[in-house]
Amino acid sequence: MSTVPNPASASSGKEAKSHGTVGPAQPVRSAGDYKGFVAGVFSGIAKLSVGHPFDTIKVRLQTTPKAQFTGPIDCFLQTVRKEGVRGLYKGATPPLVGWMFMDSVMLGSLTFYRRILLEKVFFSKPSLLPPPSSSSTASRAEQVTEEARREKKKLPAIGHAVAGVMAGSTVSFIAAPVEHIKARLQIQYAVDRSKRLYSGPIDCCRKIYRIHGIRGIYHGLCATLLFRSFFFFWWGSYDIISRFFARHTSLSAPAINFWAGGL
């Protein structure tokens, strides 16, 4: 009995022979794999521009005696009056560079861990799903089955939460030294640069390393890891809220991302 050759396999075989090798085609890496990293770079820049003054006030309130500032507004006014607006952006250089890498690694590794979890942990075999009906009277059943198939291809909320913890732990090894140096620069109150202990982030890093070594640079790593373990709830709840809005509202995808991220 004769068999009909598969055109796809025939063409792939010709391509393999033309290259001198025979074997399965290598997967082509999509540009979407790098979207998380690129988005992280711009996320870091935007976060620094808007959020760093608030962070400076927070750090100063956390590290100074209560008598120095009566509250966040007083801290803001004193900083601007004595050091100018630039005082609010003290220590901005480490996060300017660091947050671009941090958010890039964060979102990029999050995308990577989500894909790995979906393929290796939460993978469902197609055979476990009922095949679509070929009867014309079962169009509704076919639609429900197709929706179920698409849902099976999505990572569940617990998967997003686990991926968030893994990505948070990964980025902590970059975040810990960046935030450590940033905080030391933020609490330098002297307007005259010559009276400051550190002339800049590189000088700060060099002095810490000379006295305390690499352990001094990574001082606070355990606290950073503990803090980023809460990404379990952050990314898990983000997925739950995003799905709720997608199913029960007519909001666009950017609007859903905005509200889900805020909530």
Protein backbone atom coordinates (compact mmCIF):
# COMPACT_ATOMS: atom_id res chain seq x y z
CA MET A 1 0.00 0.00 0.00
CA SER A 2 1.43 3.36 -1.05
CA THR A 3 1.70 6.23 1.39
CA VAL A 4 1.31 9.94 0.70
CA PRO A 5 4.37 11.90 1.77
CA ASN A 6 3.90 14.80 4.20
CA PRO A 7 4.84 18.05 2.40
CA ALA A 8 6.02 19.66 5.64
CA SER A 9 8.34 16.79 6.46
CA ALA A 10 9.59 16.65 2.90
CA SER A 11 10.45 20.33 2.83
CA SER A 12 12.11 20.15 6.23
CA GLY A 13 14.11 17.15 5.05
CA LYS A 14 15.34 19.07 2.01
CA GLU A 15 16.37 21.97 4.19
CA ALA A 16 18.23 19.63 6.54
CA LYS A 17 20.07 17.97 3.67
CA SER A 18 21.01 21.32 2.18
CA HIS A 19 22.68 22.23 5.46
CA GLY A 20 24.39 18.85 5.73
CA THR A 21 22.52 17.71 8.85
CA VAL A 22 19.39 15.66 9.46
CA GLY A 23 17.43 16.12 12.65
CA PRO A 24 14.63 18.03 14.32
CA ALA A 25 14.40 21.73 13.59
CA GLN A 26 15.79 23.96 16.29
CA PRO A 27 13.24 26.22 18.01
CA VAL A 28 13.36 29.81 16.86
CA ARG A 29 13.60 32.27 19.71
CA SER A 30 10.85 34.86 19.50
CA ALA A 31 11.36 38.55 20.08
CA GLY A 32 8.67 38.23 22.76
CA ASP A 33 11.18 36.45 25.00
CA TYR A 34 13.01 39.76 25.43
CA LYS A 35 9.99 42.00 26.00
CA GLY A 36 10.26 41.59 29.76
CA PHE A 37 13.86 42.81 29.78
CA VAL A 38 13.16 45.82 27.55
CA ALA A 39 10.05 46.76 29.54
CA GLY A 40 12.09 46.52 32.73
CA VAL A 41 14.61 49.10 31.52
CA PHE A 42 11.94 51.73 30.87
CA SER A 43 10.11 50.75 34.05
CA GLY A 44 13.24 51.48 36.08
CA ILE A 45 13.72 54.92 34.50
CA ALA A 46 10.08 55.91 35.06
CA LYS A 47 10.09 54.66 38.64
CA LEU A 48 13.23 56.63 39.49
CA SER A 49 11.99 59.88 37.97
CA VAL A 50 8.75 59.88 39.96
CA GLY A 51 9.49 57.83 43.04
CA HIS A 52 13.00 58.74 44.19
CA PRO A 53 12.07 61.96 46.09
CA PHE A 54 9.49 59.98 48.09
CA ASP A 55 12.08 57.31 48.77
CA THR A 56 14.58 59.91 49.99
CA ILE A 57 12.05 61.29 52.47
CA LYS A 58 11.18 57.77 53.64
CA VAL A 59 14.82 56.82 54.22
CA ARG A 60 15.55 60.06 56.09
CA LEU A 61 12.57 59.60 58.37
CA GLN A 62 13.63 56.00 59.04
CA THR A 63 17.24 56.82 59.91
CA THR A 64 17.11 60.12 61.84
CA PRO A 65 16.01 60.97 65.41
CA LYS A 66 12.39 62.01 65.79
CA ALA A 67 13.41 65.50 66.85
CA GLN A 68 14.94 66.31 63.46
CA PHE A 69 11.73 66.06 61.43
CA THR A 70 8.15 66.34 62.63
CA GLY A 71 6.83 64.40 59.64
CA PRO A 72 7.18 63.78 55.91
CA ILE A 73 6.06 67.28 54.91
CA ASP A 74 8.56 68.88 57.30
CA CYS A 75 11.28 66.56 55.97
CA PHE A 76 10.43 67.59 52.41
CA LEU A 77 10.44 71.32 53.22
CA GLN A 78 13.70 71.17 55.16
CA THR A 79 15.41 69.19 52.42
CA VAL A 80 14.34 71.59 49.68
CA ARG A 81 15.15 74.68 51.77
CA LYS A 82 18.64 73.56 52.81
CA GLU A 83 19.74 71.42 49.86
CA GLY A 84 17.49 72.45 47.01
CA VAL A 85 15.46 70.16 44.77
CA ARG A 86 18.64 68.21 44.01
CA GLY A 87 18.65 67.11 47.63
CA LEU A 88 15.55 65.03 46.95
CA TYR A 89 17.50 63.16 44.28
CA LYS A 90 20.55 62.36 46.39
CA GLY A 91 21.63 58.80 45.81
CA ALA A 92 19.77 58.66 42.51
CA THR A 93 22.72 57.39 40.48
CA PRO A 94 22.83 53.83 41.90
CA PRO A 95 19.11 53.18 41.28
CA LEU A 96 19.24 54.99 37.92
CA VAL A 97 21.64 52.32 36.72
CA GLY A 98 20.64 49.60 39.16
CA TRP A 99 16.87 49.80 38.76
CA MET A 100 17.16 49.48 35.00
CA PHE A 101 19.01 46.22 35.53
CA MET A 102 16.84 45.25 38.50
CA ASP A 103 13.52 45.74 36.72
CA SER A 104 14.95 44.28 33.55
CA VAL A 105 16.11 41.15 35.40
CA MET A 106 12.88 41.11 37.40
CA LEU A 107 10.49 41.17 34.46
CA GLY A 108 12.76 39.12 32.22
CA SER A 109 13.26 36.36 34.80
CA LEU A 110 9.55 36.51 35.65
CA THR A 111 8.72 35.82 32.01
CA PHE A 112 11.28 33.01 31.94
CA TYR A 113 10.05 31.36 35.16
CA ARG A 114 6.43 31.60 34.02
CA ARG A 115 7.27 29.81 30.80
CA ILE A 116 9.27 27.11 32.61
CA LEU A 117 6.49 26.52 35.15
CA LEU A 118 3.88 26.35 32.42
CA GLU A 119 5.88 23.86 30.36
CA LYS A 120 7.31 21.70 33.15
CA VAL A 121 4.97 21.94 36.15
CA PHE A 122 1.49 23.03 35.09
CA PHE A 123 1.55 21.37 31.69
CA SER A 124 -1.67 19.53 30.70
CA LYS A 125 -1.59 16.91 27.95
CA PRO A 126 -4.00 17.58 25.11
CA SER A 127 -5.32 14.02 25.43
CA LEU A 128 -6.82 14.88 28.80
CA LEU A 129 -9.14 17.37 27.13
CA PRO A 130 -12.26 16.16 25.28
CA PRO A 131 -11.96 16.44 21.49
CA PRO A 132 -14.21 19.01 19.84
CA SER A 133 -17.47 17.63 18.43
CA SER A 134 -17.87 17.45 14.67
CA SER A 135 -21.67 17.75 14.81
CA SER A 136 -23.17 21.01 13.59
CA THR A 137 -25.69 20.93 16.45
CA ALA A 138 -22.90 21.04 19.04
CA SER A 139 -21.41 24.45 18.18
CA ARG A 140 -21.87 25.64 21.73
CA ALA A 141 -20.08 22.58 23.06
CA GLU A 142 -17.23 23.22 20.64
CA GLN A 143 -16.95 26.80 21.85
CA VAL A 144 -16.85 25.70 25.49
CA THR A 145 -14.25 23.06 24.68
CA GLU A 146 -12.10 25.56 22.81
CA GLU A 147 -12.30 27.99 25.74
CA ALA A 148 -11.27 25.16 28.06
CA ARG A 149 -8.32 24.37 25.82
CA ARG A 150 -7.17 28.00 25.87
CA GLU A 151 -7.59 28.12 29.64
CA LYS A 152 -5.44 25.02 30.03
CA LYS A 153 -2.62 26.78 28.17
CA LYS A 154 -2.60 29.61 30.72
CA LEU A 155 -0.51 29.56 33.87
CA PRO A 156 -2.75 29.47 36.98
CA ALA A 157 -2.59 32.16 39.63
CA ILE A 158 -0.47 29.99 41.92
CA GLY A 159 2.02 29.61 39.07
CA HIS A 160 2.28 33.40 38.69
CA ALA A 161 2.79 33.69 42.45
CA VAL A 162 5.58 31.10 42.51
CA ALA A 163 7.24 32.73 39.50
CA GLY A 164 7.07 36.05 41.34
CA VAL A 165 8.94 34.64 44.35
CA MET A 166 11.59 33.09 42.11
CA ALA A 167 12.07 36.32 40.15
CA GLY A 168 12.17 38.35 43.36
CA SER A 169 14.87 36.10 44.82
CA THR A 170 16.88 36.39 41.61
CA VAL A 171 16.79 40.18 41.48
CA SER A 172 17.60 40.49 45.21
CA PHE A 173 21.26 39.84 44.48
CA ILE A 174 21.29 43.03 42.41
CA ALA A 175 18.88 45.00 44.57
CA ALA A 176 20.66 44.52 47.91
CA PRO A 177 23.91 46.40 47.10
CA VAL A 178 22.10 49.02 45.02
CA GLU A 179 19.67 49.88 47.81
CA HIS A 180 22.42 49.75 50.43
CA ILE A 181 24.58 52.32 48.63
CA LYS A 182 21.54 54.43 47.73
CA ALA A 183 20.48 54.68 51.39
CA ARG A 184 23.97 55.71 52.55
CA LEU A 185 24.06 58.53 49.98
CA GLN A 186 20.54 59.69 50.84
CA ILE A 187 21.38 60.40 54.48
CA GLN A 188 24.27 62.73 53.71
CA TYR A 189 22.87 66.11 54.75
CA ALA A 190 25.90 68.31 54.07
CA VAL A 191 25.39 70.74 51.20
CA ASP A 192 29.14 71.15 50.73
CA ARG A 193 30.43 68.10 48.88
CA SER A 194 33.81 68.29 50.64
CA LYS A 195 32.12 67.66 53.99
CA ARG A 196 30.34 64.50 52.85
CA LEU A 197 31.65 61.08 53.79
CA TYR A 198 31.09 59.76 50.29
CA SER A 199 31.70 61.77 47.13
CA GLY A 200 29.52 59.46 45.07
CA PRO A 201 28.32 55.89 44.60
CA ILE A 202 31.68 54.56 43.41
CA ASP A 203 33.50 56.14 46.33
CA CYS A 204 30.86 54.76 48.70
CA CYS A 205 31.20 51.27 47.26
CA ARG A 206 34.99 51.44 47.41
CA LYS A 207 35.08 52.56 51.06
CA ILE A 208 32.58 49.92 52.17
CA TYR A 209 34.51 47.21 50.38
CA ARG A 210 37.84 48.36 51.82
CA ILE A 211 36.55 48.18 55.39
CA HIS A 212 33.97 45.37 55.31
CA GLY A 213 34.69 43.44 52.13
CA ILE A 214 32.05 41.92 49.89
CA ARG A 215 29.91 41.06 52.92
CA GLY A 216 29.64 44.76 53.63
CA ILE A 217 28.42 45.45 50.09
CA TYR A 218 25.72 42.80 50.52
CA HIS A 219 24.73 43.93 54.01
CA GLY A 220 20.95 43.58 54.23
CA LEU A 221 20.67 40.80 51.64
CA CYS A 222 18.58 38.57 53.94
CA ALA A 223 16.12 41.42 54.55
CA THR A 224 15.94 42.05 50.81
CA LEU A 225 15.20 38.38 50.13
CA LEU A 226 12.53 38.38 52.83
CA PHE A 227 10.92 41.51 51.43
CA ARG A 228 10.79 40.12 47.92
CA SER A 229 9.20 36.90 49.10
CA PHE A 230 6.02 38.99 49.25
CA PHE A 231 6.10 39.03 45.46
CA PHE A 232 4.17 35.78 45.85
CA PHE A 233 1.11 37.83 46.79
CA TRP A 234 1.96 40.69 44.44
CA TRP A 235 2.08 38.70 41.21
CA GLY A 236 -0.52 36.16 42.31
CA SER A 237 -3.10 38.85 43.09
CA TYR A 238 -2.14 40.74 39.92
CA ASP A 239 -3.07 37.71 37.82
CA ILE A 240 -6.34 37.14 39.68
CA ILE A 241 -7.42 40.78 39.34
CA SER A 242 -6.36 40.90 35.67
CA ARG A 243 -8.47 37.84 34.83
CA PHE A 244 -11.44 39.25 36.73
CA PHE A 245 -11.33 42.52 34.78
CA ALA A 246 -10.84 40.69 31.48
CA ARG A 247 -13.93 38.52 32.06
CA HIS A 248 -16.31 41.01 33.68
CA THR A 249 -15.39 44.37 32.16
CA SER A 250 -14.83 45.86 28.72
CA LEU A 251 -11.56 47.57 29.70
CA SER A 252 -8.68 47.52 27.26
CA ALA A 253 -5.54 45.52 28.03
CA PRO A 254 -3.48 48.61 29.06
CA ALA A 255 -6.28 49.75 31.37
CA ILE A 256 -6.51 46.29 32.93
CA ASN A 257 -2.74 46.25 33.51
CA PHE A 258 -2.91 49.72 35.09
CA TRP A 259 -5.75 48.95 37.52
CA ALA A 260 -4.55 45.46 38.35
CA GLY A 261 -1.07 46.79 39.09
CA GLY A 262 -2.45 49.54 41.31
CA LEU A 263 -4.78 47.28 43.24
